Amino acid sequence: MQKIKFQNKTQNNQKSAKNYSIKFQAKLWKYQAKAAWYFVNLPKEESIQIKYRNVLNTRGWGSLRVTVTIGDTTWQTSIFRDSKNDCYILPIKAEVRKIEKLQEGNLIDLSLVVD
């Protein structure tokens, strides 16, 4: 299980200039399968930018490592290309949903840095 670290919102989380970062809002949705997976879609324009900036950096299933912040919670995970919707999707862990009191259909403010 990935560790979640808490950061003060006023803390400056500096990254290298080569890392691409975005802030956006997205609706939390549930993948309809046996397991309860929850995701948000990254905006299409930013997904295009991420795809072209990271052509050589993808991992299995075209995934990319990212650092995400929702509210006071920051963690590392991966985003995955969703060819059906022509965007990247970001899984939101149960632990994060619980801490931030998130439910399916909530509109969430996020910041994301491609590592």
N, C-alpha and C. Protein backbone atom coordinates (compact mmCIF):
# COMPACT_ATOMS: atom_id res chain seq x y z
N MET A 1 0.85 -1.17 0.00
CA MET A 1 0.00 0.00 0.00
C MET A 1 0.89 1.23 0.00
N GLN A 2 0.50 2.23 -0.79
CA GLN A 2 1.28 3.45 -0.87
C GLN A 2 1.06 4.30 0.37
N LYS A 3 2.10 4.97 0.81
CA LYS A 3 1.99 5.83 1.97
C LYS A 3 1.39 7.17 1.57
N ILE A 4 0.55 7.68 2.44
CA ILE A 4 -0.01 9.00 2.24
C ILE A 4 0.69 9.93 3.21
N LYS A 5 1.14 11.06 2.71
CA LYS A 5 1.77 12.02 3.60
C LYS A 5 0.92 13.28 3.60
N PHE A 6 0.85 13.91 4.73
CA PHE A 6 0.06 15.11 4.87
C PHE A 6 0.98 16.31 4.80
N GLN A 7 0.54 17.33 4.07
CA GLN A 7 1.32 18.54 3.95
C GLN A 7 0.42 19.72 4.28
N ASN A 8 1.00 20.70 4.93
CA ASN A 8 0.31 21.94 5.18
C ASN A 8 0.07 22.62 3.85
N LYS A 9 -1.11 23.18 3.63
CA LYS A 9 -1.44 23.82 2.37
C LYS A 9 -0.50 24.97 2.04
N THR A 10 0.06 25.61 3.04
CA THR A 10 0.93 26.76 2.80
C THR A 10 2.37 26.33 2.53
N GLN A 11 2.65 25.06 2.71
CA GLN A 11 4.00 24.56 2.47
C GLN A 11 4.30 24.61 0.98
N ASN A 12 5.49 25.07 0.60
CA ASN A 12 5.86 25.18 -0.81
C ASN A 12 6.43 23.86 -1.27
N ASN A 13 5.73 23.17 -2.15
CA ASN A 13 6.14 21.87 -2.66
C ASN A 13 6.80 22.11 -4.01
N GLN A 14 8.10 22.42 -4.02
CA GLN A 14 8.78 22.78 -5.25
C GLN A 14 9.16 21.54 -6.05
N LYS A 15 8.97 21.67 -7.35
CA LYS A 15 9.33 20.61 -8.28
C LYS A 15 10.23 21.19 -9.35
N SER A 16 10.94 20.34 -10.03
CA SER A 16 11.77 20.75 -11.14
C SER A 16 10.92 21.39 -12.22
N ALA A 17 11.48 22.35 -12.94
CA ALA A 17 10.74 23.05 -14.01
C ALA A 17 10.33 22.09 -15.12
N LYS A 18 11.01 20.97 -15.26
CA LYS A 18 10.67 20.03 -16.33
C LYS A 18 9.41 19.21 -16.02
N ASN A 19 8.97 19.21 -14.76
CA ASN A 19 7.76 18.47 -14.38
C ASN A 19 6.53 19.30 -14.71
N TYR A 20 5.54 18.66 -15.30
CA TYR A 20 4.31 19.33 -15.73
C TYR A 20 3.30 19.27 -14.59
N SER A 21 2.73 20.40 -14.21
CA SER A 21 1.75 20.42 -13.13
C SER A 21 0.48 21.11 -13.59
N ILE A 22 -0.64 20.64 -13.06
CA ILE A 22 -1.94 21.23 -13.38
C ILE A 22 -2.82 21.27 -12.13
N LYS A 23 -3.75 22.20 -12.12
CA LYS A 23 -4.81 22.26 -11.11
C LYS A 23 -6.11 22.23 -11.88
N PHE A 24 -7.07 21.44 -11.39
CA PHE A 24 -8.33 21.30 -12.10
C PHE A 24 -9.41 20.78 -11.16
N GLN A 25 -10.64 20.81 -11.64
CA GLN A 25 -11.78 20.22 -10.94
C GLN A 25 -12.28 19.05 -11.77
N ALA A 26 -12.71 18.01 -11.09
CA ALA A 26 -13.25 16.84 -11.79
C ALA A 26 -14.25 16.13 -10.90
N LYS A 27 -15.16 15.42 -11.54
CA LYS A 27 -16.20 14.67 -10.82
C LYS A 27 -15.70 13.26 -10.53
N LEU A 28 -15.87 12.81 -9.30
CA LEU A 28 -15.49 11.46 -8.89
C LEU A 28 -16.53 10.47 -9.43
N TRP A 29 -16.03 9.43 -10.14
CA TRP A 29 -16.93 8.40 -10.67
C TRP A 29 -16.44 7.01 -10.31
N LYS A 30 -17.39 6.08 -10.28
CA LYS A 30 -17.09 4.70 -9.90
C LYS A 30 -17.08 3.82 -11.14
N TYR A 31 -16.01 3.03 -11.27
CA TYR A 31 -15.91 2.06 -12.35
C TYR A 31 -16.82 0.89 -12.02
N GLN A 32 -17.65 0.51 -12.96
CA GLN A 32 -18.63 -0.54 -12.74
C GLN A 32 -18.00 -1.92 -12.97
N ALA A 33 -17.50 -2.49 -11.90
CA ALA A 33 -16.89 -3.82 -11.93
C ALA A 33 -17.06 -4.44 -10.55
N LYS A 34 -16.53 -5.64 -10.39
CA LYS A 34 -16.62 -6.31 -9.08
C LYS A 34 -15.98 -5.47 -7.98
N ALA A 35 -14.78 -4.99 -8.24
CA ALA A 35 -14.07 -4.17 -7.27
C ALA A 35 -14.56 -2.72 -7.38
N ALA A 36 -14.57 -2.02 -6.28
CA ALA A 36 -15.04 -0.63 -6.27
C ALA A 36 -13.87 0.32 -6.53
N TRP A 37 -13.59 0.58 -7.80
CA TRP A 37 -12.54 1.53 -8.18
C TRP A 37 -13.18 2.87 -8.48
N TYR A 38 -12.57 3.93 -7.96
CA TYR A 38 -13.06 5.29 -8.18
C TYR A 38 -12.00 6.09 -8.91
N PHE A 39 -12.44 6.94 -9.83
CA PHE A 39 -11.54 7.71 -10.68
C PHE A 39 -12.05 9.13 -10.88
N VAL A 40 -11.15 9.98 -11.37
CA VAL A 40 -11.52 11.25 -11.97
C VAL A 40 -10.84 11.30 -13.33
N ASN A 41 -11.47 11.99 -14.28
CA ASN A 41 -10.87 12.20 -15.60
C ASN A 41 -10.07 13.50 -15.57
N LEU A 42 -8.86 13.45 -16.12
CA LEU A 42 -8.12 14.68 -16.32
C LEU A 42 -8.72 15.41 -17.51
N PRO A 43 -8.64 16.74 -17.53
CA PRO A 43 -9.16 17.48 -18.68
C PRO A 43 -8.47 17.05 -19.97
N LYS A 44 -9.21 17.05 -21.08
CA LYS A 44 -8.67 16.56 -22.36
C LYS A 44 -7.45 17.36 -22.83
N GLU A 45 -7.51 18.68 -22.75
CA GLU A 45 -6.38 19.51 -23.22
C GLU A 45 -5.11 19.20 -22.43
N GLU A 46 -5.23 19.09 -21.11
CA GLU A 46 -4.07 18.75 -20.28
C GLU A 46 -3.61 17.33 -20.54
N SER A 47 -4.55 16.43 -20.81
CA SER A 47 -4.18 15.05 -21.15
C SER A 47 -3.33 15.00 -22.41
N ILE A 48 -3.69 15.82 -23.39
CA ILE A 48 -2.89 15.89 -24.63
C ILE A 48 -1.49 16.39 -24.33
N GLN A 49 -1.39 17.45 -23.52
CA GLN A 49 -0.08 18.00 -23.15
C GLN A 49 0.76 16.94 -22.42
N ILE A 50 0.15 16.25 -21.48
CA ILE A 50 0.87 15.22 -20.72
C ILE A 50 1.33 14.10 -21.65
N LYS A 51 0.46 13.67 -22.55
CA LYS A 51 0.81 12.59 -23.47
C LYS A 51 2.03 12.94 -24.31
N TYR A 52 2.04 14.14 -24.90
CA TYR A 52 3.13 14.52 -25.78
C TYR A 52 4.41 14.88 -25.04
N ARG A 53 4.30 15.34 -23.82
CA ARG A 53 5.49 15.66 -23.03
C ARG A 53 6.16 14.40 -22.47
N ASN A 54 5.42 13.29 -22.45
CA ASN A 54 5.91 12.08 -21.78
C ASN A 54 5.88 10.84 -22.66
N VAL A 55 6.03 11.01 -23.95
CA VAL A 55 5.96 9.88 -24.89
C VAL A 55 6.93 8.77 -24.50
N LEU A 56 8.11 9.11 -24.05
CA LEU A 56 9.13 8.11 -23.74
C LEU A 56 9.16 7.70 -22.27
N ASN A 57 8.30 8.28 -21.44
CA ASN A 57 8.35 8.03 -20.00
C ASN A 57 7.27 7.11 -19.47
N THR A 58 6.45 6.53 -20.34
CA THR A 58 5.35 5.72 -19.85
C THR A 58 5.83 4.39 -19.29
N ARG A 59 5.02 3.84 -18.42
CA ARG A 59 5.28 2.54 -17.81
C ARG A 59 4.21 1.57 -18.31
N GLY A 60 3.98 0.48 -17.59
CA GLY A 60 2.98 -0.50 -17.98
C GLY A 60 1.61 0.12 -18.21
N TRP A 61 0.91 -0.33 -19.24
CA TRP A 61 -0.41 0.15 -19.64
C TRP A 61 -0.40 1.65 -19.95
N GLY A 62 0.76 2.19 -20.31
CA GLY A 62 0.86 3.61 -20.64
C GLY A 62 0.73 4.53 -19.44
N SER A 63 0.99 4.01 -18.25
CA SER A 63 0.82 4.80 -17.04
C SER A 63 1.99 5.76 -16.83
N LEU A 64 1.71 6.80 -16.06
CA LEU A 64 2.72 7.78 -15.68
C LEU A 64 2.64 8.03 -14.18
N ARG A 65 3.79 8.14 -13.54
CA ARG A 65 3.84 8.43 -12.09
C ARG A 65 3.47 9.89 -11.87
N VAL A 66 2.65 10.14 -10.84
CA VAL A 66 2.22 11.49 -10.50
C VAL A 66 2.18 11.67 -8.99
N THR A 67 2.23 12.92 -8.58
CA THR A 67 1.97 13.29 -7.19
C THR A 67 0.70 14.13 -7.21
N VAL A 68 -0.26 13.76 -6.37
CA VAL A 68 -1.58 14.38 -6.38
C VAL A 68 -1.88 14.98 -5.02
N THR A 69 -2.57 16.11 -5.03
CA THR A 69 -3.06 16.71 -3.80
C THR A 69 -4.55 16.99 -3.93
N ILE A 70 -5.30 16.50 -2.95
CA ILE A 70 -6.71 16.81 -2.79
C ILE A 70 -6.88 17.28 -1.36
N GLY A 71 -7.33 18.50 -1.18
CA GLY A 71 -7.48 19.03 0.17
C GLY A 71 -6.14 19.08 0.87
N ASP A 72 -6.05 18.44 2.03
CA ASP A 72 -4.80 18.38 2.81
C ASP A 72 -4.03 17.09 2.56
N THR A 73 -4.48 16.26 1.62
CA THR A 73 -3.88 14.95 1.39
C THR A 73 -3.06 14.94 0.10
N THR A 74 -1.79 14.52 0.22
CA THR A 74 -0.89 14.41 -0.92
C THR A 74 -0.36 12.98 -0.96
N TRP A 75 -0.36 12.38 -2.16
CA TRP A 75 0.16 11.03 -2.31
C TRP A 75 0.68 10.82 -3.71
N GLN A 76 1.45 9.74 -3.88
CA GLN A 76 1.99 9.37 -5.19
C GLN A 76 1.20 8.18 -5.72
N THR A 77 0.92 8.24 -7.02
CA THR A 77 0.16 7.18 -7.69
C THR A 77 0.50 7.23 -9.17
N SER A 78 -0.34 6.69 -10.00
CA SER A 78 -0.15 6.73 -11.45
C SER A 78 -1.45 7.15 -12.12
N ILE A 79 -1.31 7.77 -13.29
CA ILE A 79 -2.46 8.04 -14.14
C ILE A 79 -2.38 7.08 -15.32
N PHE A 80 -3.54 6.78 -15.92
CA PHE A 80 -3.63 5.81 -17.00
C PHE A 80 -4.38 6.42 -18.17
N ARG A 81 -3.94 6.10 -19.35
CA ARG A 81 -4.57 6.61 -20.57
C ARG A 81 -5.90 5.88 -20.79
N ASP A 82 -6.95 6.63 -21.02
CA ASP A 82 -8.27 6.08 -21.33
C ASP A 82 -8.58 6.45 -22.77
N SER A 83 -8.35 5.53 -23.70
CA SER A 83 -8.54 5.83 -25.12
C SER A 83 -10.00 6.05 -25.47
N LYS A 84 -10.91 5.46 -24.73
CA LYS A 84 -12.34 5.62 -24.99
C LYS A 84 -12.76 7.08 -24.81
N ASN A 85 -12.26 7.72 -23.76
CA ASN A 85 -12.61 9.12 -23.48
C ASN A 85 -11.52 10.10 -23.90
N ASP A 86 -10.43 9.59 -24.48
CA ASP A 86 -9.32 10.41 -24.96
C ASP A 86 -8.76 11.33 -23.87
N CYS A 87 -8.51 10.73 -22.71
CA CYS A 87 -7.92 11.49 -21.60
C CYS A 87 -7.23 10.51 -20.65
N TYR A 88 -6.52 11.06 -19.67
CA TYR A 88 -5.96 10.24 -18.61
C TYR A 88 -6.98 10.14 -17.49
N ILE A 89 -6.94 9.03 -16.76
CA ILE A 89 -7.78 8.87 -15.57
C ILE A 89 -6.88 8.67 -14.36
N LEU A 90 -7.36 9.15 -13.25
CA LEU A 90 -6.62 9.11 -11.99
C LEU A 90 -7.42 8.32 -10.97
N PRO A 91 -6.87 7.20 -10.46
CA PRO A 91 -7.58 6.45 -9.42
C PRO A 91 -7.49 7.20 -8.08
N ILE A 92 -8.60 7.22 -7.35
CA ILE A 92 -8.64 7.87 -6.04
C ILE A 92 -8.81 6.76 -5.00
N LYS A 93 -7.77 6.58 -4.20
CA LYS A 93 -7.73 5.51 -3.21
C LYS A 93 -8.82 5.64 -2.15
N ALA A 94 -9.26 4.51 -1.62
CA ALA A 94 -10.27 4.49 -0.56
C ALA A 94 -9.82 5.31 0.64
N GLU A 95 -8.56 5.21 1.00
CA GLU A 95 -8.05 5.94 2.16
C GLU A 95 -8.16 7.45 1.94
N VAL A 96 -7.87 7.90 0.74
CA VAL A 96 -7.99 9.34 0.42
C VAL A 96 -9.46 9.75 0.44
N ARG A 97 -10.32 8.93 -0.15
CA ARG A 97 -11.75 9.25 -0.15
C ARG A 97 -12.29 9.37 1.26
N LYS A 98 -11.83 8.49 2.14
CA LYS A 98 -12.28 8.51 3.53
C LYS A 98 -11.77 9.77 4.25
N ILE A 99 -10.48 10.04 4.12
CA ILE A 99 -9.89 11.19 4.79
C ILE A 99 -10.52 12.50 4.33
N GLU A 100 -10.74 12.63 3.02
CA GLU A 100 -11.27 13.87 2.44
C GLU A 100 -12.80 13.86 2.33
N LYS A 101 -13.43 12.79 2.82
CA LYS A 101 -14.89 12.66 2.82
C LYS A 101 -15.49 12.82 1.42
N LEU A 102 -14.93 12.06 0.48
CA LEU A 102 -15.35 12.12 -0.92
C LEU A 102 -16.32 10.99 -1.23
N GLN A 103 -17.32 11.31 -2.05
CA GLN A 103 -18.28 10.32 -2.49
C GLN A 103 -18.47 10.43 -4.00
N GLU A 104 -18.95 9.36 -4.60
CA GLU A 104 -19.21 9.35 -6.02
C GLU A 104 -20.08 10.55 -6.40
N GLY A 105 -19.68 11.23 -7.47
CA GLY A 105 -20.42 12.39 -7.95
C GLY A 105 -19.91 13.72 -7.42
N ASN A 106 -19.06 13.69 -6.37
CA ASN A 106 -18.50 14.94 -5.84
C ASN A 106 -17.60 15.61 -6.87
N LEU A 107 -17.66 16.94 -6.94
CA LEU A 107 -16.74 17.72 -7.75
C LEU A 107 -15.55 18.04 -6.87
N ILE A 108 -14.35 17.64 -7.31
CA ILE A 108 -13.14 17.71 -6.49
C ILE A 108 -12.14 18.69 -7.10
N ASP A 109 -11.51 19.49 -6.24
CA ASP A 109 -10.37 20.34 -6.65
C ASP A 109 -9.10 19.53 -6.44
N LEU A 110 -8.30 19.42 -7.50
CA LEU A 110 -7.06 18.63 -7.44
C LEU A 110 -5.89 19.43 -7.98
N SER A 111 -4.71 19.08 -7.50
CA SER A 111 -3.48 19.51 -8.18
C SER A 111 -2.67 18.25 -8.43
N LEU A 112 -1.98 18.22 -9.57
CA LEU A 112 -1.29 17.02 -10.01
C LEU A 112 0.03 17.43 -10.65
N VAL A 113 1.09 16.71 -10.30
CA VAL A 113 2.41 16.91 -10.91
C VAL A 113 2.86 15.59 -11.50
N VAL A 114 3.20 15.60 -12.78
CA VAL A 114 3.75 14.41 -13.42
C VAL A 114 5.21 14.30 -12.99
N ASP A 115 5.56 13.20 -12.31
CA ASP A 115 6.91 13.01 -11.76
C ASP A 115 7.89 12.57 -12.81
